[in-house]
Protein backbone atom coordinates (compact mmCIF):
# COMPACT_ATOMS: atom_id res chain seq x y z
CA UNK A 1 58.37 37.94 25.78
CA UNK A 2 61.45 35.96 24.73
CA UNK A 3 59.23 32.99 24.70
CA UNK A 4 56.45 34.46 22.50
CA UNK A 5 59.92 36.08 20.31
CA UNK A 6 60.91 32.20 19.90
CA UNK A 7 57.79 30.45 19.14
CA UNK A 8 57.13 33.57 16.43
CA UNK A 9 60.62 32.13 14.67
CA UNK A 10 59.56 28.84 15.24
CA UNK A 11 56.21 29.45 13.40
CA UNK A 12 58.29 30.71 10.90
CA UNK A 13 59.95 27.83 9.99
CA UNK A 14 56.76 25.79 10.52
CA UNK A 15 54.62 27.08 7.82
CA UNK A 16 57.42 26.64 5.44
CA UNK A 17 55.79 24.87 2.27
CA UNK A 18 58.24 21.70 3.02
CA UNK A 19 57.49 21.53 6.88
CA UNK A 20 53.87 22.01 6.46
CA UNK A 21 53.83 18.83 3.67
CA UNK A 22 55.53 16.96 6.65
CA UNK A 23 53.16 17.45 9.07
CA UNK A 24 50.62 17.14 7.08
CA UNK A 25 52.14 13.72 6.01
CA UNK A 26 52.56 12.82 9.58
CA UNK A 27 48.81 13.39 11.10
CA UNK A 28 47.36 11.64 8.03
CA UNK A 29 49.99 8.45 8.62
CA UNK A 30 49.40 8.87 12.50
CA UNK A 31 45.28 8.78 11.96
CA UNK A 32 45.69 5.90 9.30
CA UNK A 33 47.76 3.59 12.55
CA UNK A 34 45.38 5.47 15.36
CA UNK A 35 42.81 3.62 13.99
CA UNK A 36 44.09 0.23 13.42
CA UNK A 37 44.30 -1.68 16.49
CA UNK A 38 48.12 -3.38 17.06
CA UNK A 39 49.71 -0.99 15.25
CA UNK A 40 50.29 1.56 17.06
CA UNK A 41 52.32 5.27 17.02
CA UNK A 42 55.71 3.71 18.16
CA UNK A 43 55.69 0.72 15.54
CA UNK A 44 55.07 3.67 13.33
CA UNK A 45 57.54 6.44 14.08
CA UNK A 46 59.67 3.12 14.54
CA UNK A 47 59.49 2.36 10.64
CA UNK A 48 59.94 6.12 9.49
CA UNK A 49 63.39 6.79 11.38
CA UNK A 50 65.25 5.23 8.93
CA UNK A 51 63.63 6.59 6.07
CA UNK A 52 64.17 10.11 7.35
CA UNK A 53 67.78 10.54 7.76
CA UNK A 54 67.95 11.80 4.37
CA UNK A 55 65.95 14.83 5.59
CA UNK A 56 66.56 17.60 7.53
CA UNK A 57 65.87 17.04 11.35
CA UNK A 58 63.08 19.69 11.57
CA UNK A 59 61.17 18.21 8.88
CA UNK A 60 61.65 14.69 10.46
CA UNK A 61 60.78 15.54 14.12
CA UNK A 62 57.72 17.46 12.60
CA UNK A 63 56.75 14.59 11.12
CA UNK A 64 57.19 12.32 13.79
CA UNK A 65 55.25 14.73 16.40
CA UNK A 66 52.10 14.28 13.71
CA UNK A 67 52.05 10.62 13.88
CA UNK A 68 52.43 10.67 17.55
CA UNK A 69 49.56 13.56 17.52
CA UNK A 70 47.60 11.93 14.73
CA UNK A 71 47.84 8.46 16.24
CA UNK A 72 45.50 9.77 19.65
CA UNK A 73 42.92 11.64 17.53
CA UNK A 74 42.31 7.94 15.24
CA UNK A 75 42.53 5.82 18.12
CA UNK A 76 39.01 6.91 19.48
CA UNK A 77 37.30 6.19 15.77
CA UNK A 78 37.17 2.83 15.98
CA UNK A 79 36.69 2.45 19.91
CA UNK A 80 33.28 4.79 19.40
CA UNK A 81 31.98 3.14 16.11
CA UNK A 82 33.38 -0.83 17.01
CA UNK A 83 34.55 -1.14 20.34
CA UNK A 84 37.85 -1.93 19.07
CA UNK A 85 40.29 0.74 20.50
CA UNK A 86 42.93 1.56 17.72
CA UNK A 87 45.55 2.78 21.13
CA UNK A 88 45.31 1.32 24.60
CA UNK A 89 44.75 4.96 25.62
CA UNK A 90 41.67 5.15 24.19
CA UNK A 91 40.26 1.71 25.61
CA UNK A 92 38.12 4.18 28.04
CA UNK A 93 36.35 6.12 25.69
CA UNK A 94 34.93 3.15 24.34
CA UNK A 95 32.79 2.55 27.38
CA UNK A 96 30.32 5.24 26.34
CA UNK A 97 31.48 5.70 23.12
CA UNK A 98 30.23 2.42 21.94
CA UNK A 99 27.13 2.82 23.50
CA UNK A 100 26.38 6.52 22.13
CA UNK A 101 26.77 4.63 18.58
CA UNK A 102 24.58 1.98 19.11
CA UNK A 103 21.99 4.59 20.02
CA UNK A 104 22.36 6.68 16.61
CA UNK A 105 25.09 9.21 18.16
CA UNK A 106 28.14 8.23 16.85
CA UNK A 107 28.54 11.72 14.68
CA UNK A 108 28.26 13.35 18.30
CA UNK A 109 30.38 10.65 19.73
CA UNK A 110 33.02 11.41 17.75
CA UNK A 111 32.65 15.06 17.67
CA UNK A 112 33.12 15.24 21.08
CA UNK A 113 36.08 13.44 21.00
CA UNK A 114 37.93 15.04 17.89
CA UNK A 115 36.74 18.42 19.41
CA UNK A 116 38.14 17.52 23.54
CA UNK A 117 41.22 16.51 21.68
CA UNK A 118 41.66 19.64 19.78
CA UNK A 119 41.07 21.65 22.98
CA UNK A 120 43.40 19.37 25.12
CA UNK A 121 45.85 19.60 22.68
CA UNK A 122 45.94 23.47 22.04
CA UNK A 123 45.94 23.82 25.59
CA UNK A 124 48.71 21.43 26.82
CA UNK A 125 51.02 23.13 24.32
CA UNK A 126 50.55 26.42 25.51
CA UNK A 127 51.29 25.03 28.85
CA UNK A 128 54.37 22.88 27.82
CA UNK A 129 55.57 26.43 25.89
CA UNK A 130 55.24 28.75 28.72
CA UNK A 131 55.98 26.87 31.57
CA UNK A 132 58.81 24.10 30.93
CA UNK A 133 60.87 24.75 33.74
CA UNK A 134 58.04 23.97 35.95
CA UNK A 135 57.11 20.71 34.77
CA UNK A 136 60.09 19.50 34.60
CA UNK A 137 61.22 20.24 38.01
CA UNK A 138 57.68 18.20 38.74
CA UNK A 139 58.96 15.51 36.46
CA UNK A 140 62.58 15.19 38.64
CA UNK A 141 59.96 15.26 42.30
CA UNK A 142 58.23 11.98 41.60
CA UNK A 143 60.01 9.11 43.30
CA UNK A 144 59.08 5.40 43.47
CA UNK A 145 56.76 5.92 46.68
CA UNK A 146 54.70 8.26 44.38
CA UNK A 147 54.28 6.33 41.42
CA UNK A 148 53.18 3.11 44.05
CA UNK A 149 50.56 5.55 45.82
CA UNK A 150 49.59 6.80 41.72
CA UNK A 151 49.08 3.17 40.98
CA UNK A 152 46.76 2.29 44.55
CA UNK A 153 45.00 5.65 43.80
CA UNK A 154 43.76 4.29 40.20
CA UNK A 155 42.95 0.92 41.39
CA UNK A 156 41.15 1.77 44.51
CA UNK A 157 39.20 4.90 42.49
CA UNK A 158 38.70 2.38 38.93
CA UNK A 159 37.36 -0.84 41.14
CA UNK A 160 35.49 0.35 44.03
CA UNK A 161 34.56 4.18 42.99
CA UNK A 162 33.71 3.66 39.54
CA UNK A 163 32.33 0.42 38.99
CA UNK A 164 29.57 0.74 41.76
CA UNK A 165 29.54 -2.55 43.04
CA UNK A 166 32.49 -2.38 44.80
CA UNK A 167 32.78 -6.63 45.47
CA UNK A 168 32.82 -7.05 41.96
CA UNK A 169 35.28 -4.24 40.61
CA UNK A 170 37.55 -5.35 43.29
CA UNK A 171 37.15 -9.32 41.96
CA UNK A 172 37.64 -7.67 38.10
CA UNK A 173 40.94 -6.26 39.72
CA UNK A 174 42.11 -8.93 41.00
CA UNK A 175 41.95 -10.76 37.30
CA UNK A 176 43.60 -7.97 35.95
CA UNK A 177 46.68 -7.83 38.57
CA UNK A 178 46.67 -11.67 37.40
CA UNK A 179 46.98 -11.48 33.83
CA UNK A 180 49.14 -8.76 34.47
CA UNK A 181 52.04 -11.25 36.50
CA UNK A 182 52.05 -13.55 32.89
CA UNK A 183 55.45 -13.47 31.95
CA UNK A 184 59.14 -13.24 33.49
CA UNK A 185 59.73 -11.42 36.77
CA UNK A 186 61.90 -8.36 35.41
CA UNK A 187 63.58 -8.11 38.58
CA UNK A 188 64.32 -11.85 39.63
CA UNK A 189 64.43 -13.31 36.49
CA UNK A 190 61.50 -15.93 37.80
CA UNK A 191 58.95 -17.45 35.28
CA UNK A 192 55.35 -16.70 36.44
CA UNK A 193 52.21 -18.54 35.26
CA UNK A 194 53.54 -19.81 31.82
CA UNK A 195 52.17 -23.08 32.20
CA UNK A 196 55.62 -24.20 30.40
CA UNK A 197 54.80 -21.68 27.13
CA UNK A 198 57.94 -19.85 26.14
CA UNK A 199 55.39 -18.12 23.70
CA UNK A 200 54.33 -16.55 27.64
CA UNK A 201 57.72 -15.06 28.47
CA UNK A 202 57.19 -11.72 27.60
CA UNK A 203 53.77 -11.35 28.89
CA UNK A 204 50.35 -11.20 27.41
CA UNK A 205 50.53 -8.09 25.27
CA UNK A 206 48.16 -4.77 26.46
CA UNK A 207 47.11 -5.06 22.77
CA UNK A 208 45.95 -8.83 23.00
CA UNK A 209 43.91 -7.85 26.63
CA UNK A 210 42.70 -4.44 25.33
CA UNK A 211 40.58 -5.67 21.98
CA UNK A 212 39.75 -9.29 23.29
CA UNK A 213 38.16 -7.64 26.20
CA UNK A 214 36.60 -4.85 24.38
CA UNK A 215 35.82 -5.68 20.84
CA UNK A 216 35.60 -10.01 20.83
CA UNK A 217 33.80 -9.89 24.09
CA UNK A 218 31.45 -7.74 23.22
CA UNK A 219 31.10 -9.69 19.53
CA UNK A 220 30.24 -12.97 21.57
CA UNK A 221 28.09 -11.37 23.72
CA UNK A 222 25.75 -10.17 20.94
CA UNK A 223 26.24 -13.04 19.37
CA UNK A 224 24.35 -14.84 22.64
CA UNK A 225 21.99 -12.25 22.73
CA UNK A 226 20.68 -12.19 18.94
CA UNK A 227 17.57 -13.65 19.63
CA UNK A 228 16.48 -10.82 21.47
CA UNK A 229 17.80 -8.17 19.19
CA UNK A 230 17.04 -7.53 15.83
CA UNK A 231 19.39 -8.63 12.87
CA UNK A 232 20.30 -5.31 11.24
CA UNK A 233 21.55 -1.90 13.26
CA UNK A 234 18.61 0.33 14.04
CA UNK A 235 20.42 3.52 14.25
CA UNK A 236 18.52 6.45 14.15
CA UNK A 237 20.12 9.42 11.83
CA UNK A 238 19.92 12.37 14.24
CA UNK A 239 21.51 15.65 14.17
CA UNK A 240 25.22 15.29 12.17
CA UNK A 241 26.80 17.43 14.63
CA UNK A 242 26.79 18.46 18.01
CA UNK A 243 23.70 20.28 19.39
CA UNK A 244 23.89 22.71 21.90
CA UNK A 245 23.07 20.68 24.96
CA UNK A 246 25.82 18.26 23.77
CA UNK A 247 28.61 21.05 23.84
CA UNK A 248 26.65 22.54 26.97
CA UNK A 249 27.29 18.57 28.53
CA UNK A 250 31.43 18.94 26.61
CA UNK A 251 33.26 21.66 27.39
CA UNK A 252 33.69 21.36 31.11
CA UNK A 253 34.52 17.77 30.44
CA UNK A 254 36.97 18.89 27.70
CA UNK A 255 38.84 21.18 30.58
CA UNK A 256 38.04 18.86 33.55
CA UNK A 257 40.17 15.77 31.32
CA UNK A 258 43.39 18.52 30.52
CA UNK A 259 43.73 19.61 33.73
CA UNK A 260 43.70 15.60 34.68
CA UNK A 261 46.09 14.13 31.60
CA UNK A 262 48.62 17.43 31.62
CA UNK A 263 50.66 16.44 35.14
CA UNK A 264 50.33 12.57 34.15
CA UNK A 265 52.36 13.21 30.94
CA UNK A 266 55.19 15.17 32.72
CA UNK A 267 55.93 12.21 35.20
CA UNK A 268 57.88 9.26 34.07
CA UNK A 269 55.68 6.10 33.24
CA UNK A 270 52.76 8.36 33.90
CA UNK A 271 51.16 6.94 30.78
CA UNK A 272 47.90 8.12 29.18
CA UNK A 273 45.89 5.37 30.63
CA UNK A 274 45.50 6.53 33.76
CA UNK A 275 44.16 9.96 33.35
CA UNK A 276 41.37 8.89 31.23
CA UNK A 277 40.34 6.21 33.58
CA UNK A 278 40.29 8.71 36.07
CA UNK A 279 38.21 10.90 33.85
CA UNK A 280 35.73 8.81 33.03
CA UNK A 281 35.23 8.24 37.24
CA UNK A 282 35.33 12.02 37.61
CA UNK A 283 32.42 12.80 35.20
CA UNK A 284 30.45 9.35 36.53
CA UNK A 285 30.79 10.55 40.16
CA UNK A 286 29.21 14.04 39.07
CA UNK A 287 26.61 12.62 37.01
CA UNK A 288 25.67 10.52 39.57
CA UNK A 289 25.40 13.55 42.26
CA UNK A 290 23.54 15.96 39.60
CA UNK A 291 21.04 12.74 39.55
CA UNK A 292 20.94 12.67 35.62
CA UNK A 293 23.90 10.32 34.68
CA UNK A 294 23.79 8.59 31.06
CA UNK A 295 26.85 6.32 31.89
CA UNK A 296 26.60 3.15 30.48
CA UNK A 297 24.14 3.98 27.58
CA UNK A 298 26.45 6.45 26.39
CA UNK A 299 27.11 9.58 27.95
CA UNK A 300 29.09 12.47 26.04
CA UNK A 301 31.10 13.62 28.98
CA UNK A 302 32.33 9.92 28.96
CA UNK A 303 33.57 10.29 25.60
CA UNK A 304 34.63 14.08 26.36
CA UNK A 305 36.69 13.62 29.45
CA UNK A 306 38.80 11.09 28.74
CA UNK A 307 39.80 12.31 25.17
CA UNK A 308 41.11 15.46 26.45
CA UNK A 309 42.82 13.60 28.91
CA UNK A 310 44.43 11.43 26.49
CA UNK A 311 45.73 14.09 23.93
CA UNK A 312 46.80 16.09 27.33
CA UNK A 313 48.71 13.77 28.25
CA UNK A 314 50.60 13.29 24.55
CA UNK A 315 51.57 17.10 24.45
CA UNK A 316 52.95 17.38 28.28
CA UNK A 317 54.95 14.06 27.35
CA UNK A 318 57.21 16.32 25.19
CA UNK A 319 58.51 18.16 28.47
CA UNK A 320 60.65 15.36 29.52
CA UNK A 321 61.93 14.09 26.74
CA UNK A 322 63.30 17.30 25.48
CA UNK A 323 64.44 19.11 28.56
CA UNK A 324 65.39 15.77 30.62
CA UNK A 325 65.84 13.11 27.58
CA UNK A 326 63.63 11.11 29.68
CA UNK A 327 60.90 9.29 27.53
CA UNK A 328 57.53 8.70 29.36
CA UNK A 329 56.42 6.61 26.16
CA UNK A 330 57.21 4.20 23.71
CA UNK A 331 56.96 6.62 20.99
CA UNK A 332 58.91 8.98 22.96
CA UNK A 333 61.59 6.76 23.71
CA UNK A 334 61.66 5.73 19.63
CA UNK A 335 62.25 9.79 19.31
CA UNK A 336 64.91 9.96 21.82
CA UNK A 337 66.50 7.32 19.65
CA UNK A 338 65.77 9.59 16.74
CA UNK A 339 67.59 12.49 18.28
CA UNK A 340 70.59 10.68 19.10
CA UNK A 341 70.81 9.59 15.68
CA UNK A 342 70.85 12.91 14.42
CA UNK A 343 73.70 13.49 17.28
CA UNK A 344 71.53 15.33 19.60
CA UNK A 345 71.23 14.91 23.20
CA UNK A 346 67.53 15.89 24.66
CA UNK A 347 68.10 18.02 28.39
CA UNK A 348 68.32 21.16 29.51
CA UNK A 349 70.95 22.37 26.82
CA UNK A 350 68.49 21.14 23.80
CA UNK A 351 66.91 24.67 24.00
CA UNK A 352 69.82 26.39 23.26
CA UNK A 353 71.64 24.24 21.05
CA UNK A 354 68.74 23.20 18.81
CA UNK A 355 66.69 26.50 19.40
CA UNK A 356 65.31 26.20 16.16
CA UNK A 357 64.66 22.89 15.78
CA UNK A 358 62.47 22.83 19.34
CA UNK A 359 60.93 26.08 18.91
CA UNK A 360 59.53 24.56 14.92
CA UNK A 361 58.86 21.74 16.74
CA UNK A 362 56.15 22.79 19.51
CA UNK A 363 54.87 25.49 16.68
CA UNK A 364 54.25 22.81 14.38
CA UNK A 365 52.23 20.75 17.34
CA UNK A 366 49.92 23.92 16.92
CA UNK A 367 49.42 23.21 12.81
CA UNK A 368 49.50 20.01 13.72
CA UNK A 369 46.02 19.98 16.00
CA UNK A 370 44.14 22.39 13.81
CA UNK A 371 45.59 19.92 10.72
CA UNK A 372 43.85 17.00 12.85
CA UNK A 373 40.60 19.16 13.57
CA UNK A 374 39.92 19.82 10.16
CA UNK A 375 40.29 16.15 8.75
CA UNK A 376 38.37 14.61 11.14
CA UNK A 377 35.57 16.78 12.39
CA UNK A 378 33.96 17.00 8.78
CA UNK A 379 34.05 13.10 8.25
CA UNK A 380 32.23 12.10 11.66
CA UNK A 381 28.99 11.57 9.92
CA UNK A 382 30.23 9.61 7.52
CA UNK A 383 32.44 7.50 9.48
CA UNK A 384 29.24 6.65 11.41
CA UNK A 385 27.84 5.38 8.22
CA UNK A 386 29.48 2.33 8.71
CA UNK A 387 26.87 1.57 11.85
CA UNK A 388 23.88 1.37 9.13
CA UNK A 389 26.15 -2.02 8.09
CA UNK A 390 23.64 -5.02 9.11
CA UNK A 391 24.50 -6.51 12.43
CA UNK A 392 25.90 -9.53 11.37
CA UNK A 393 28.23 -8.25 8.81
CA UNK A 394 29.48 -5.48 10.99
CA UNK A 395 30.32 -7.61 13.69
CA UNK A 396 32.12 -10.25 11.71
CA UNK A 397 34.12 -7.15 10.11
CA UNK A 398 34.74 -6.54 14.11
CA UNK A 399 36.13 -9.88 14.58
CA UNK A 400 38.32 -9.89 11.19
CA UNK A 401 39.69 -6.18 11.97
CA UNK A 402 40.67 -7.37 15.63
CA UNK A 403 42.04 -10.41 14.68
CA UNK A 404 44.32 -8.93 11.54
CA UNK A 405 45.48 -6.30 14.07
CA UNK A 406 46.62 -8.53 16.91
CA UNK A 407 48.14 -10.59 14.35
CA UNK A 408 50.27 -8.06 12.67
CA UNK A 409 51.43 -6.40 15.60
CA UNK A 410 54.15 -9.65 16.29
CA UNK A 411 53.12 -11.92 13.37
CA UNK A 412 52.18 -14.79 16.31
CA UNK A 413 49.56 -17.19 16.25
CA UNK A 414 49.90 -17.85 20.16
CA UNK A 415 48.33 -13.70 20.20
CA UNK A 416 45.21 -14.76 18.19
CA UNK A 417 45.11 -17.50 20.51
CA UNK A 418 44.51 -15.56 23.78
CA UNK A 419 42.90 -13.18 21.86
CA UNK A 420 39.89 -15.41 21.99
CA UNK A 421 40.30 -16.66 24.94
CA UNK A 422 40.86 -13.47 26.34
CA UNK A 423 37.46 -12.34 24.57
CA UNK A 424 36.09 -15.51 26.20
CA UNK A 425 36.12 -13.89 29.44
CA UNK A 426 35.28 -10.79 28.80
CA UNK A 427 32.01 -12.22 27.34
CA UNK A 428 31.40 -13.95 30.96
CA UNK A 429 32.02 -10.59 32.72
CA UNK A 430 29.63 -9.00 30.81
CA UNK A 431 27.06 -12.14 31.14
CA UNK A 432 27.81 -11.68 34.80
CA UNK A 433 27.32 -7.87 35.55
CA UNK A 434 31.39 -7.51 36.22
CA UNK A 435 32.86 -4.42 35.02
CA UNK A 436 35.61 -4.66 32.16
CA UNK A 437 37.52 -1.23 33.16
CA UNK A 438 39.05 -2.34 36.55
CA UNK A 439 39.88 -5.14 34.56
CA UNK A 440 42.49 -3.17 32.38
CA UNK A 441 43.92 -0.91 34.81
CA UNK A 442 44.96 -3.89 36.66
CA UNK A 443 46.57 -5.49 33.70
CA UNK A 444 47.83 -1.74 32.78
CA UNK A 445 49.05 -0.35 36.60
CA UNK A 446 49.57 -4.37 38.06
CA UNK A 447 53.83 -4.06 36.60
CA UNK A 448 54.30 -0.47 37.21
CA UNK A 449 53.12 -1.46 40.80
CA UNK A 450 55.17 -3.44 41.74
CA UNK A 451 58.19 -2.71 40.18
CA UNK A 452 58.04 0.26 42.27
CA UNK A 453 56.96 -0.83 45.38
CA UNK A 454 60.00 -3.16 45.12
CA UNK A 455 62.23 0.10 44.06
CA UNK A 456 60.99 1.65 47.39
CA UNK A 457 61.32 -1.18 49.70
CA UNK A 458 64.83 -1.49 48.37
CA UNK A 459 65.96 2.30 48.85
CA UNK A 460 64.62 2.22 52.46
CA UNK A 461 66.13 -1.60 53.49
CA UNK A 462 62.71 -2.72 54.17
CA UNK A 463 60.88 -0.01 56.43
CA UNK A 464 57.13 0.51 54.85
CA UNK A 465 57.32 3.75 56.24
CA UNK A 466 58.77 5.29 53.39
CA UNK A 467 55.86 4.57 51.42
CA UNK A 468 54.01 6.99 53.44
CA UNK A 469 57.27 9.92 53.70
CA UNK A 470 56.49 11.81 50.38
CA UNK A 471 54.60 14.81 50.65
CA UNK A 472 52.80 13.76 47.01
CA UNK A 473 52.25 10.20 48.10
CA UNK A 474 50.58 11.46 51.44
CA UNK A 475 47.78 13.97 49.11
CA UNK A 476 47.09 11.39 46.57
CA UNK A 477 46.23 8.84 50.03
CA UNK A 478 44.45 11.75 51.14
CA UNK A 479 41.87 11.95 48.18
CA UNK A 480 41.43 8.57 47.61
CA UNK A 481 40.45 8.41 51.39
CA UNK A 482 38.00 11.71 50.74
CA UNK A 483 36.57 9.78 47.58
CA UNK A 484 35.93 6.82 49.53
CA UNK A 485 33.93 8.39 51.81
CA UNK A 486 32.39 11.29 49.96
CA UNK A 487 30.64 8.64 47.67
CA UNK A 488 28.70 6.69 50.24
CA UNK A 489 27.71 9.67 52.35
CA UNK A 490 26.40 11.42 49.50
CA UNK A 491 23.95 9.12 48.92
CA UNK A 492 23.25 8.94 52.60
CA UNK A 493 22.14 12.47 52.62
CA UNK A 494 20.11 12.07 49.47
CA UNK A 495 18.27 9.04 50.72
CA UNK A 496 17.34 11.03 54.01
CA UNK A 497 16.20 14.14 51.66
CA UNK A 498 14.04 11.98 49.13
CA UNK A 499 12.39 10.71 52.69
CA UNK A 500 12.06 14.05 54.31
CA UNK A 501 10.08 15.42 50.62
CA UNK A 502 8.09 12.10 50.61
CA UNK A 503 7.32 12.60 54.22
């Protein structure tokens, strides 16, 4: 009852006209930033921090949270329509969202993403409100061996289980891990694979890799097959909204994606990329078992699940930030700096010392989710009309859009050159049937796996057994073994049943 009373007082504060205005400005800015690849919510919040010192802290943090949430909503729009994710967390959405758009189902894909984001946000924020202490305990319990096990789980699940062809999946994963090695080793200071170029000392940006593989690679592949396809987009209008069948196929992925996303926002360095890949893999495997998989050709489950996982992670990432002073993303790290600029230190005492601000902030997350739904859902059919642009103009626009987005991030010509080099790699992978997802997961999680393995070895003084000493790590390895065994077993049983039926 005390929690409900505090939440009620938070709504009373968040619903004042001034704070509602800051919430609206935040979600609109976040949506706009989310659409543009290379900018990101972290950059937007960083630019806003010095401009908000004259504001009351409550209004400033409500706006920051609005930008944070809005960026996740907006990132899916260009992922679905242009195969160019505005945020790295939306890259998985492009795998099925873009084929949906090409099949004339862009409005349904956008609606599934927006509604899934809303459902996940509401559920996750509710869990944060009522179960923050439990979530903080979970965040503290993760050690280096657990993070390494988590990375291995994601590697194998994506490369061997999700990709279908294990050999090609593992090859793609190796390419991603190789790209992740470029730059300076953080622990030893060794320079790796920079070929004498000082511009590569910081490594290759995930924005460059994501946009290059998904956007530029797709454009090059389409150009190589231009003689086989018409010059204009043959998009059938279809229904402007989700049908009853779409709702039936989406609500379970929304819930499963939320369940996967919630814990990853809590744990340090969890990130939203891992649960989106795991959600995509889970939905693909479930669809294959049902025998009605549309994955690869625009399955709505492949949009609904990952988008829900993405936004659930965003909501619960506030738990370690507020309860421990531990940011789990770049945006959360900048918000931590903003708290300190206002003379506040996030941690266990923040909920008592700054109770009014914290509960108004949590209440604003509910309000912001509703505003985002009202802003984005009605415009889904309008955004989808972009696909009626002739193919040559559309893909030329994608190239310009991607190039500007990458250049804007660091104003680096080298990044633009790398963008097209990675795009050429993406083209070759598509041309020869290699999956893209393992490359991305290797680039994202490679540094995490390396760092946590070294930490675990340092703590145990070289004892490999430490990697299997944690209950969390053992559970992850157990789930991985089950997944590896279950896939071939189900296929074998199904083949025997088919043979029995034929005979």
